[in-house]
């Protein structure tokens, strides 16, 4: 696979019938579910789980999604979704990039970026990242 950046964190996806819309290809909402899954899986891999978020009373929530759909995916396709943390300001925000590739053709089907903001889970208000977030997420930043 050719990835846009070095050191991708990759999850495997096999497109199921439940992902298909009335046009016969993957529904656009499914891509967001995959992006969420990749984000959480990567965070757990880095050492931050939902339990850690709760213990710290902090969470990273989506501020903005930007998705570029380049080609459709279909039922039965085998895909790989890569993610990278490309920015972490150490205060309130971090940014992830994503690239979805079709395994057999090595074709990129989607590129996306998501900007996250840190909140206090107890109030849902913006709150500075705890030191653990800065350490983990800041340490995982992959430069272009």
Foldseek 3Di string as FASTA:
>chain_A
DDDPFPDWDKDKDAAAPVQADPVQFGDPVVVVVVVVVSVQVVCVVLPDHVVNCVVVQKDWDWPDKDKDFDATHHHGFMKMKTKAWADDPQFWKTKMKIWIAGVPVRDTGMIMMTMITMDRNVVRHGGTDDPVCCVRSVVRHTHD
